[in-house]
N, C-alpha and C. Protein backbone atom coordinates (compact mmCIF):
# COMPACT_ATOMS: atom_id res chain seq x y z
N UNK A 1 -34.85 -61.18 75.02
CA UNK A 1 -36.24 -61.26 73.70
C UNK A 1 -37.25 -62.09 74.37
N UNK A 2 -38.21 -60.94 74.74
CA UNK A 2 -38.94 -61.70 75.77
C UNK A 2 -40.65 -61.77 74.79
N UNK A 3 -40.73 -63.25 74.69
CA UNK A 3 -41.77 -63.63 74.27
C UNK A 3 -43.61 -62.79 74.54
N UNK A 4 -43.86 -62.74 73.54
CA UNK A 4 -45.77 -62.16 73.72
C UNK A 4 -46.19 -62.74 74.05
N UNK A 5 -47.06 -63.14 74.82
CA UNK A 5 -48.15 -64.22 75.08
C UNK A 5 -49.00 -64.60 73.93
N UNK A 6 -49.23 -65.48 74.02
CA UNK A 6 -50.18 -66.32 72.74
C UNK A 6 -51.35 -66.87 72.99
N UNK A 7 -52.71 -67.08 72.54
CA UNK A 7 -53.82 -67.61 72.81
C UNK A 7 -54.25 -67.86 71.61
N UNK A 8 -54.79 -68.73 72.21
CA UNK A 8 -56.18 -69.44 70.80
C UNK A 8 -57.41 -69.09 71.05
N UNK A 9 -57.95 -68.39 70.10
CA UNK A 9 -59.44 -68.15 69.78
C UNK A 9 -60.67 -68.84 69.62
N UNK A 10 -61.09 -68.81 69.43
CA UNK A 10 -62.93 -69.63 68.71
C UNK A 10 -63.15 -69.48 67.49
N UNK A 11 -62.40 -68.71 66.52
CA UNK A 11 -62.80 -68.45 65.13
C UNK A 11 -61.80 -69.61 64.51
N UNK A 12 -61.24 -69.66 65.10
CA UNK A 12 -59.85 -70.28 63.91
C UNK A 12 -58.21 -70.58 65.34
N UNK A 13 -57.77 -71.83 65.00
CA UNK A 13 -56.70 -72.51 66.13
C UNK A 13 -55.59 -71.73 65.96
N UNK A 14 -55.06 -70.69 65.82
CA UNK A 14 -53.81 -70.59 64.98
C UNK A 14 -53.59 -69.24 65.99
N UNK A 15 -51.96 -69.19 65.95
CA UNK A 15 -51.50 -68.38 67.36
C UNK A 15 -51.65 -66.77 66.64
N UNK A 16 -51.77 -65.82 68.13
CA UNK A 16 -52.14 -64.52 68.10
C UNK A 16 -51.64 -63.86 69.13
N UNK A 17 -51.06 -62.60 69.06
CA UNK A 17 -50.61 -61.79 70.32
C UNK A 17 -51.68 -61.36 70.60
N UNK A 18 -51.43 -60.96 71.81
CA UNK A 18 -52.52 -60.34 72.41
C UNK A 18 -51.80 -58.56 72.81
N UNK A 19 -52.63 -57.72 72.56
CA UNK A 19 -51.85 -56.69 72.96
C UNK A 19 -53.10 -55.59 73.92
N UNK A 20 -52.80 -55.15 75.11
CA UNK A 20 -53.61 -54.70 75.98
C UNK A 20 -54.17 -53.32 75.81
N UNK A 21 -55.43 -53.94 75.06
CA UNK A 21 -56.13 -52.49 74.21
C UNK A 21 -57.09 -52.58 74.08
N UNK A 22 -58.45 -51.34 73.88
CA UNK A 22 -60.04 -51.90 73.72
C UNK A 22 -59.65 -52.02 72.18
N UNK A 23 -60.87 -52.55 71.46
CA UNK A 23 -61.12 -52.74 70.56
C UNK A 23 -62.34 -53.63 69.43
N UNK A 24 -63.05 -52.48 68.51
CA UNK A 24 -64.33 -53.03 68.18
C UNK A 24 -64.12 -52.81 66.90
N UNK A 25 -64.56 -53.44 65.85
CA UNK A 25 -64.57 -53.11 64.32
C UNK A 25 -64.41 -51.27 63.64
N UNK A 26 -62.95 -51.44 62.79
CA UNK A 26 -63.28 -50.21 62.38
C UNK A 26 -64.79 -49.60 62.46
N UNK A 27 -65.20 -48.04 62.31
CA UNK A 27 -66.68 -47.06 62.26
C UNK A 27 -67.70 -47.28 62.91
N UNK A 28 -67.20 -48.50 63.76
CA UNK A 28 -68.40 -49.39 65.31
C UNK A 28 -68.06 -48.28 66.16
N UNK A 29 -68.84 -47.97 67.35
CA UNK A 29 -68.79 -47.36 68.21
C UNK A 29 -69.23 -48.33 69.24
N UNK A 30 -68.99 -48.38 70.81
CA UNK A 30 -69.41 -49.48 71.53
C UNK A 30 -70.84 -49.23 71.82
N UNK A 31 -71.75 -48.09 71.68
CA UNK A 31 -73.28 -48.25 71.78
C UNK A 31 -73.77 -49.04 70.54
N UNK A 32 -72.89 -48.93 69.34
CA UNK A 32 -73.65 -49.51 68.12
C UNK A 32 -73.14 -50.87 68.51
N UNK A 33 -72.30 -51.04 69.07
CA UNK A 33 -72.05 -53.07 69.01
C UNK A 33 -73.19 -53.64 70.40
N UNK A 34 -73.35 -52.81 71.23
CA UNK A 34 -73.75 -52.84 72.34
C UNK A 34 -75.55 -52.86 71.62
N UNK A 35 -76.18 -52.59 70.89
CA UNK A 35 -77.16 -51.97 70.59
C UNK A 35 -77.30 -53.63 69.64
N UNK A 36 -76.32 -53.79 68.84
CA UNK A 36 -76.51 -55.22 67.84
C UNK A 36 -76.65 -56.21 68.94
N UNK A 37 -75.39 -56.32 69.84
CA UNK A 37 -75.76 -58.04 70.80
C UNK A 37 -76.79 -57.26 71.86
N UNK A 38 -77.09 -56.44 72.18
CA UNK A 38 -77.93 -56.28 73.31
C UNK A 38 -76.90 -56.12 74.99
N UNK A 39 -77.26 -56.36 75.61
CA UNK A 39 -76.11 -56.47 76.86
C UNK A 39 -75.22 -56.75 76.02
N UNK A 40 -73.78 -56.67 76.69
CA UNK A 40 -73.12 -57.45 76.26
C UNK A 40 -72.47 -58.15 77.67
N UNK A 41 -72.52 -59.27 77.57
CA UNK A 41 -71.51 -60.22 78.88
C UNK A 41 -70.32 -60.84 78.35
N UNK A 42 -69.04 -60.25 78.39
CA UNK A 42 -67.99 -60.76 78.40
C UNK A 42 -67.52 -61.40 78.66
N UNK A 43 -66.99 -62.65 78.29
CA UNK A 43 -66.58 -64.05 78.85
C UNK A 43 -65.47 -64.54 78.93
N UNK A 44 -65.06 -64.95 79.72
CA UNK A 44 -63.20 -66.18 79.19
C UNK A 44 -63.21 -67.70 78.89
N UNK A 45 -65.08 -68.24 79.22
CA UNK A 45 -65.46 -69.28 79.04
C UNK A 45 -65.21 -69.84 77.67
N UNK A 46 -64.23 -70.21 77.34
CA UNK A 46 -63.85 -70.21 75.15
C UNK A 46 -64.49 -71.80 75.27
N UNK A 47 -64.58 -72.94 76.23
CA UNK A 47 -65.50 -73.98 75.82
C UNK A 47 -67.10 -74.17 75.94
N UNK A 48 -67.46 -72.43 76.49
CA UNK A 48 -68.88 -73.00 76.14
C UNK A 48 -69.34 -72.17 75.01
N UNK A 49 -70.56 -73.29 74.65
CA UNK A 49 -70.92 -73.13 73.26
C UNK A 49 -71.31 -71.59 72.81
N UNK A 50 -71.91 -70.62 73.78
CA UNK A 50 -72.87 -69.66 73.72
C UNK A 50 -71.45 -68.56 73.22
N UNK A 51 -69.96 -68.87 73.87
CA UNK A 51 -68.99 -67.82 73.60
C UNK A 51 -68.53 -67.78 72.68
N UNK A 52 -68.77 -66.15 71.81
CA UNK A 52 -68.11 -66.76 70.63
C UNK A 52 -66.97 -65.16 70.29
N UNK A 53 -66.15 -65.04 69.63
CA UNK A 53 -65.26 -64.40 69.64
C UNK A 53 -65.50 -63.62 68.45
N UNK A 54 -65.20 -61.98 68.00
CA UNK A 54 -65.41 -61.09 66.87
C UNK A 54 -64.10 -60.58 66.19
N UNK A 55 -64.19 -60.47 65.17
CA UNK A 55 -62.86 -60.01 64.54
C UNK A 55 -62.80 -58.74 64.66
N UNK A 56 -61.30 -58.30 65.78
CA UNK A 56 -61.61 -56.83 66.12
C UNK A 56 -61.58 -56.42 66.85
N UNK A 57 -62.27 -57.60 68.00
CA UNK A 57 -63.51 -57.01 69.27
C UNK A 57 -62.92 -57.51 70.15
N UNK A 58 -62.47 -56.42 71.20
CA UNK A 58 -61.83 -57.48 72.56
C UNK A 58 -61.87 -55.90 73.68
N UNK A 59 -62.20 -56.81 75.12
CA UNK A 59 -62.38 -55.69 76.21
C UNK A 59 -60.94 -55.52 77.14
N UNK A 60 -61.17 -54.34 77.41
CA UNK A 60 -59.89 -55.02 78.75
C UNK A 60 -60.47 -54.53 79.82
N UNK A 61 -60.25 -55.13 81.29
CA UNK A 61 -60.49 -55.33 82.25
C UNK A 61 -60.42 -53.72 83.18
N UNK A 62 -59.64 -53.19 82.55
CA UNK A 62 -59.55 -51.58 82.90
C UNK A 62 -60.86 -50.93 82.52
N UNK A 63 -61.04 -51.00 81.02
CA UNK A 63 -62.33 -50.51 80.26
C UNK A 63 -63.65 -51.04 81.50
N UNK A 64 -63.45 -52.18 81.41
CA UNK A 64 -65.01 -52.88 82.39
C UNK A 64 -64.97 -52.83 83.84
N UNK A 65 -63.87 -52.42 84.42
CA UNK A 65 -63.89 -51.84 86.00
C UNK A 65 -64.16 -50.18 85.79
N UNK A 66 -64.08 -49.69 84.97
CA UNK A 66 -64.30 -48.14 84.34
C UNK A 66 -63.22 -47.47 85.36
N UNK A 67 -61.95 -48.18 85.37
CA UNK A 67 -60.75 -47.84 86.14
C UNK A 67 -59.50 -48.01 84.74
N UNK A 68 -59.33 -46.51 84.24
CA UNK A 68 -57.88 -46.15 83.30
C UNK A 68 -56.44 -46.77 83.30
N UNK A 69 -56.44 -46.42 85.15
CA UNK A 69 -55.36 -46.27 85.63
C UNK A 69 -54.91 -47.80 86.14
N UNK A 70 -55.88 -48.58 85.77
CA UNK A 70 -55.84 -50.28 85.94
C UNK A 70 -54.61 -50.84 85.08
N UNK A 71 -53.54 -51.57 85.57
CA UNK A 71 -52.41 -52.08 85.23
C UNK A 71 -52.61 -53.34 85.63
N UNK A 72 -52.69 -54.33 84.77
CA UNK A 72 -52.40 -55.64 84.97
C UNK A 72 -51.02 -55.91 85.27
N UNK A 73 -51.18 -57.44 85.69
CA UNK A 73 -49.59 -57.64 85.78
C UNK A 73 -49.22 -58.51 84.67
N UNK A 74 -50.29 -59.29 84.25
CA UNK A 74 -50.36 -60.22 82.96
C UNK A 74 -51.29 -59.45 81.90
N UNK A 75 -50.98 -58.82 81.27
CA UNK A 75 -52.10 -58.01 80.07
C UNK A 75 -52.81 -59.06 79.27
N UNK A 76 -51.99 -60.10 79.10
CA UNK A 76 -53.16 -61.40 78.46
C UNK A 76 -54.27 -61.80 79.26
N UNK A 77 -54.20 -61.65 80.45
CA UNK A 77 -55.20 -62.11 81.20
C UNK A 77 -56.33 -61.40 81.21
N UNK A 78 -55.86 -59.72 81.13
CA UNK A 78 -56.66 -58.73 81.35
C UNK A 78 -57.61 -58.24 80.41
N UNK A 79 -57.81 -59.56 79.36
CA UNK A 79 -58.32 -58.99 77.94
C UNK A 79 -59.19 -60.12 77.52
N UNK A 80 -60.44 -59.56 77.29
CA UNK A 80 -61.45 -60.06 77.11
C UNK A 80 -62.08 -59.67 75.73
N UNK A 81 -62.01 -61.18 74.90
CA UNK A 81 -62.50 -61.41 73.44
C UNK A 81 -63.59 -62.02 73.43
N UNK A 82 -64.32 -63.27 74.09
CA UNK A 82 -65.47 -63.62 74.18
C UNK A 82 -66.61 -63.16 74.87
N UNK A 83 -67.97 -63.25 73.86
CA UNK A 83 -68.91 -62.60 73.75
C UNK A 83 -69.84 -63.45 74.19
N UNK A 84 -71.03 -63.26 74.98
CA UNK A 84 -72.03 -64.60 75.23
C UNK A 84 -73.28 -64.47 74.30
N UNK A 85 -72.88 -65.16 73.44
CA UNK A 85 -74.27 -64.57 72.88
C UNK A 85 -76.01 -65.50 72.83
N UNK A 86 -75.88 -65.86 73.99
CA UNK A 86 -77.42 -65.71 74.43
C UNK A 86 -78.05 -65.19 74.68
N UNK A 87 -79.53 -64.85 74.44
CA UNK A 87 -80.62 -64.14 74.43
C UNK A 87 -80.76 -63.74 75.90
N UNK A 88 -80.70 -64.75 77.18
CA UNK A 88 -80.89 -65.11 78.09
C UNK A 88 -79.64 -65.34 78.70
N UNK A 89 -79.28 -64.99 80.09
CA UNK A 89 -78.22 -65.52 81.11
C UNK A 89 -78.79 -65.96 82.47
N UNK A 90 -78.09 -66.75 83.08
CA UNK A 90 -78.73 -66.47 84.29
C UNK A 90 -76.89 -66.51 85.31
N UNK A 91 -77.00 -65.99 86.32
CA UNK A 91 -75.86 -66.39 87.21
C UNK A 91 -76.34 -66.50 88.42
N UNK A 92 -75.65 -67.54 88.90
CA UNK A 92 -76.03 -68.19 90.23
C UNK A 92 -74.09 -67.88 91.01
N UNK A 93 -74.71 -68.33 92.55
CA UNK A 93 -73.40 -67.78 93.07
C UNK A 93 -73.10 -69.43 93.64
N UNK A 94 -72.11 -70.25 93.85
CA UNK A 94 -71.18 -70.83 94.00
C UNK A 94 -70.54 -70.82 95.51
N UNK A 95 -70.70 -71.71 96.55
CA UNK A 95 -69.33 -71.34 97.90
C UNK A 95 -67.76 -72.11 97.68
N UNK A 96 -67.11 -71.49 97.85
CA UNK A 96 -65.79 -71.88 97.41
C UNK A 96 -64.62 -71.83 98.52
N UNK A 97 -64.76 -72.92 99.33
CA UNK A 97 -63.70 -73.02 100.28
C UNK A 97 -61.61 -72.56 100.13
N UNK A 98 -61.45 -71.96 100.47
CA UNK A 98 -59.75 -71.70 99.80
C UNK A 98 -59.02 -72.43 101.13
N UNK A 99 -57.99 -72.44 100.37
CA UNK A 99 -57.20 -73.69 101.41
C UNK A 99 -56.86 -73.13 102.79
N UNK A 100 -57.12 -71.73 102.52
CA UNK A 100 -56.79 -71.45 104.37
C UNK A 100 -58.28 -71.52 105.06
N UNK A 101 -59.08 -71.88 104.34
CA UNK A 101 -60.71 -72.44 104.66
C UNK A 101 -61.80 -71.58 105.25
N UNK A 102 -61.20 -70.30 104.13
CA UNK A 102 -62.08 -69.22 103.67
C UNK A 102 -63.39 -69.52 103.23
N UNK A 103 -64.60 -69.03 103.47
CA UNK A 103 -65.27 -68.96 102.62
C UNK A 103 -66.16 -68.16 101.16
N UNK A 104 -65.77 -68.84 100.13
CA UNK A 104 -66.38 -66.85 99.86
C UNK A 104 -67.78 -67.74 98.39
N UNK A 105 -68.10 -66.85 98.06
CA UNK A 105 -69.15 -66.93 96.79
C UNK A 105 -69.16 -66.43 96.29
N UNK A 106 -68.96 -67.30 94.94
CA UNK A 106 -67.91 -67.33 93.60
C UNK A 106 -69.58 -66.73 92.30
N UNK A 107 -69.55 -65.98 91.30
CA UNK A 107 -70.81 -65.95 90.77
C UNK A 107 -70.43 -66.62 89.58
N UNK A 108 -70.68 -67.58 89.18
CA UNK A 108 -70.95 -68.08 88.16
C UNK A 108 -72.11 -68.24 86.83
N UNK A 109 -71.65 -68.94 85.54
CA UNK A 109 -73.06 -68.61 84.75
C UNK A 109 -73.67 -70.25 85.12
N UNK A 110 -74.69 -69.91 84.80
CA UNK A 110 -75.87 -70.71 85.17
C UNK A 110 -76.11 -71.88 84.09
N UNK A 111 -75.78 -70.94 82.86
CA UNK A 111 -76.31 -71.60 81.55
C UNK A 111 -75.64 -71.75 80.23
N UNK A 112 -74.48 -71.90 81.34
CA UNK A 112 -72.72 -72.37 80.51
C UNK A 112 -73.27 -73.51 79.42
N UNK A 113 -72.34 -73.72 78.39
CA UNK A 113 -73.00 -75.41 78.02
C UNK A 113 -71.69 -75.33 77.20
N UNK A 114 -71.30 -77.21 76.86
CA UNK A 114 -69.98 -77.49 75.92
C UNK A 114 -70.74 -78.38 74.94
N UNK A 115 -71.88 -78.50 75.03
CA UNK A 115 -72.06 -79.69 74.22
C UNK A 115 -73.83 -78.88 73.58
N UNK A 116 -73.70 -79.24 72.71
CA UNK A 116 -75.65 -78.89 71.90
C UNK A 116 -76.68 -79.95 72.47
N UNK A 117 -77.85 -79.92 72.58
CA UNK A 117 -78.09 -80.59 73.06
C UNK A 117 -79.96 -80.03 72.26
N UNK A 118 -81.15 -81.01 72.52
CA UNK A 118 -82.48 -80.72 71.60
C UNK A 118 -82.50 -81.33 70.06
N UNK A 119 -81.16 -81.42 69.38
CA UNK A 119 -81.42 -81.98 68.19
C UNK A 119 -80.84 -83.08 68.09
N UNK A 120 -80.93 -83.51 66.63
CA UNK A 120 -80.36 -85.29 66.23
C UNK A 120 -79.59 -85.02 65.33
N UNK A 121 -77.99 -85.76 65.16
CA UNK A 121 -77.12 -85.89 64.24
C UNK A 121 -77.93 -86.80 63.00
N UNK A 122 -78.24 -86.55 62.06
CA UNK A 122 -78.76 -88.06 61.50
C UNK A 122 -77.94 -88.58 61.05
N UNK A 123 -76.69 -88.25 60.64
CA UNK A 123 -75.54 -88.98 59.52
C UNK A 123 -75.12 -89.84 60.87
N UNK A 124 -75.81 -89.81 61.84
CA UNK A 124 -75.00 -91.18 62.84
C UNK A 124 -75.76 -92.46 62.57
N UNK A 125 -76.60 -91.90 62.27
CA UNK A 125 -77.71 -93.26 62.10
C UNK A 125 -77.36 -93.86 60.34
N UNK A 126 -76.25 -93.59 59.55
CA UNK A 126 -75.93 -93.75 58.21
C UNK A 126 -74.55 -94.76 58.16
N UNK A 127 -74.89 -95.93 57.59
CA UNK A 127 -73.56 -96.93 57.54
C UNK A 127 -72.78 -95.72 57.01
N UNK A 128 -71.45 -96.45 56.83
CA UNK A 128 -70.21 -95.44 55.77
C UNK A 128 -70.24 -95.79 54.64
N UNK A 129 -71.00 -96.63 54.13
CA UNK A 129 -71.57 -96.29 52.61
C UNK A 129 -72.33 -95.14 52.11
N UNK A 130 -73.05 -94.74 53.75
CA UNK A 130 -74.10 -94.14 52.88
C UNK A 130 -75.84 -94.27 53.14
N UNK A 131 -75.73 -95.97 53.17
CA UNK A 131 -76.86 -96.56 53.80
C UNK A 131 -77.53 -96.87 55.26
N UNK A 132 -78.38 -96.59 54.94
CA UNK A 132 -79.03 -96.21 56.46
C UNK A 132 -78.87 -97.69 57.26
N UNK A 133 -78.63 -97.93 58.63
CA UNK A 133 -78.46 -99.24 59.15
C UNK A 133 -79.99 -99.58 58.96
N UNK A 134 -79.89 -101.16 59.11
CA UNK A 134 -81.45 -101.80 58.85
C UNK A 134 -82.10 -102.13 57.78
N UNK A 135 -81.16 -101.54 56.15
CA UNK A 135 -82.00 -100.81 55.29
C UNK A 135 -82.93 -100.15 54.87
N UNK A 136 -83.62 -100.20 53.52
CA UNK A 136 -84.93 -98.79 53.06
C UNK A 136 -85.95 -99.28 53.43
N UNK A 137 -86.98 -98.75 53.53
CA UNK A 137 -88.24 -98.93 53.01
C UNK A 137 -88.53 -100.10 52.23
N UNK A 138 -87.88 -99.41 50.95
CA UNK A 138 -87.53 -100.13 49.69
C UNK A 138 -87.46 -101.61 49.48
N UNK A 139 -86.37 -101.58 50.46
CA UNK A 139 -85.68 -103.17 50.34
C UNK A 139 -86.61 -104.25 51.02
N UNK A 140 -87.63 -103.65 51.87
CA UNK A 140 -88.85 -104.92 52.58
C UNK A 140 -89.50 -106.19 51.73
N UNK A 141 -89.27 -107.15 52.11
CA UNK A 141 -90.16 -108.44 51.55
C UNK A 141 -92.03 -107.95 51.52
N UNK A 142 -92.09 -108.26 50.81
CA UNK A 142 -93.88 -108.51 50.68
C UNK A 142 -94.00 -109.73 51.06
N UNK A 143 -93.64 -110.37 51.48
CA UNK A 143 -94.04 -111.54 51.97
C UNK A 143 -94.04 -111.66 53.49
N UNK A 144 -92.99 -110.34 54.32
CA UNK A 144 -93.26 -110.19 55.61
C UNK A 144 -94.31 -109.52 55.85
N UNK A 145 -95.07 -110.06 57.27
CA UNK A 145 -96.01 -109.44 57.87
C UNK A 145 -96.17 -107.56 57.64
N UNK A 146 -95.18 -107.32 58.50
CA UNK A 146 -95.26 -105.99 58.73
C UNK A 146 -95.12 -105.30 57.67
N UNK A 147 -94.72 -106.13 56.61
CA UNK A 147 -94.92 -105.02 55.09
C UNK A 147 -96.38 -104.87 54.98
N UNK A 148 -97.61 -105.25 55.45
CA UNK A 148 -98.79 -104.88 54.95
C UNK A 148 -99.45 -104.50 56.30
N UNK A 149 -98.46 -103.82 56.92
CA UNK A 149 -99.31 -103.09 58.27
C UNK A 149 -100.37 -103.66 58.67
N UNK A 150 -100.62 -104.54 59.49
CA UNK A 150 -101.62 -104.99 59.86
C UNK A 150 -102.71 -106.21 59.03
N UNK A 151 -102.41 -106.04 57.95
CA UNK A 151 -103.32 -106.68 56.62
C UNK A 151 -102.26 -107.69 56.28
N UNK A 152 -101.71 -108.06 56.89
CA UNK A 152 -101.02 -109.51 56.37
C UNK A 152 -101.86 -110.91 56.72
N UNK A 153 -101.49 -111.73 54.97
CA UNK A 153 -102.03 -112.78 55.62
C UNK A 153 -100.91 -113.87 55.67
N UNK A 154 -102.09 -114.63 56.72
CA UNK A 154 -100.50 -116.01 57.11
C UNK A 154 -100.91 -117.29 56.66
N UNK A 155 -100.19 -118.10 56.04
CA UNK A 155 -100.41 -119.48 55.52
C UNK A 155 -100.62 -119.63 54.28
N UNK A 156 -100.42 -118.27 53.53
CA UNK A 156 -100.92 -118.43 52.04
C UNK A 156 -99.15 -119.40 51.40
C-alpha cells in the first residue's frame, strides 16, 4: 500500500492529502479569483506572514507553466496552495554557487517576512495577575515629587 503524501497548511495544522489538480472555491472562476486578489502570486514559503492558504484553492505546476502535459515526479511538490497577500512585492536575484562551481541567479522574494513589525503587544507590559509593571497612576504617592509634575514642594 502506497502512503499518500501529507503536508500541513497554514489554515490548520491537521494532516491533509494532496491531489495533483487545480482547485478553486465552488462557483468561482480563476478570473474572478484574480480580480478579487489582484495579481496572484503563488508561493511555497509557508513561514512568511503574507502567505495564506484558502479553502479549496490550489494550482498545479503544469498550469502555472501553461504545459498541461507536465507530469511531476512527486505530485505533492508540484501543488501550490499558498498565495501572497501583500499589495506590493519585490523580487530580487541572489547568486547561488552550485556544488560543481556553477554560479546561478535565483529569484527570491525581497519582502518575505516571518514576524510582524510596527506594532507593540501591550500585553507584555502586564504582570501575570493583570496589573501593570510599576503600578498604576492611581497608586502614586502625593508626597512624591513626580506627582506634582514640577510643582513639588520640598521641605514640608
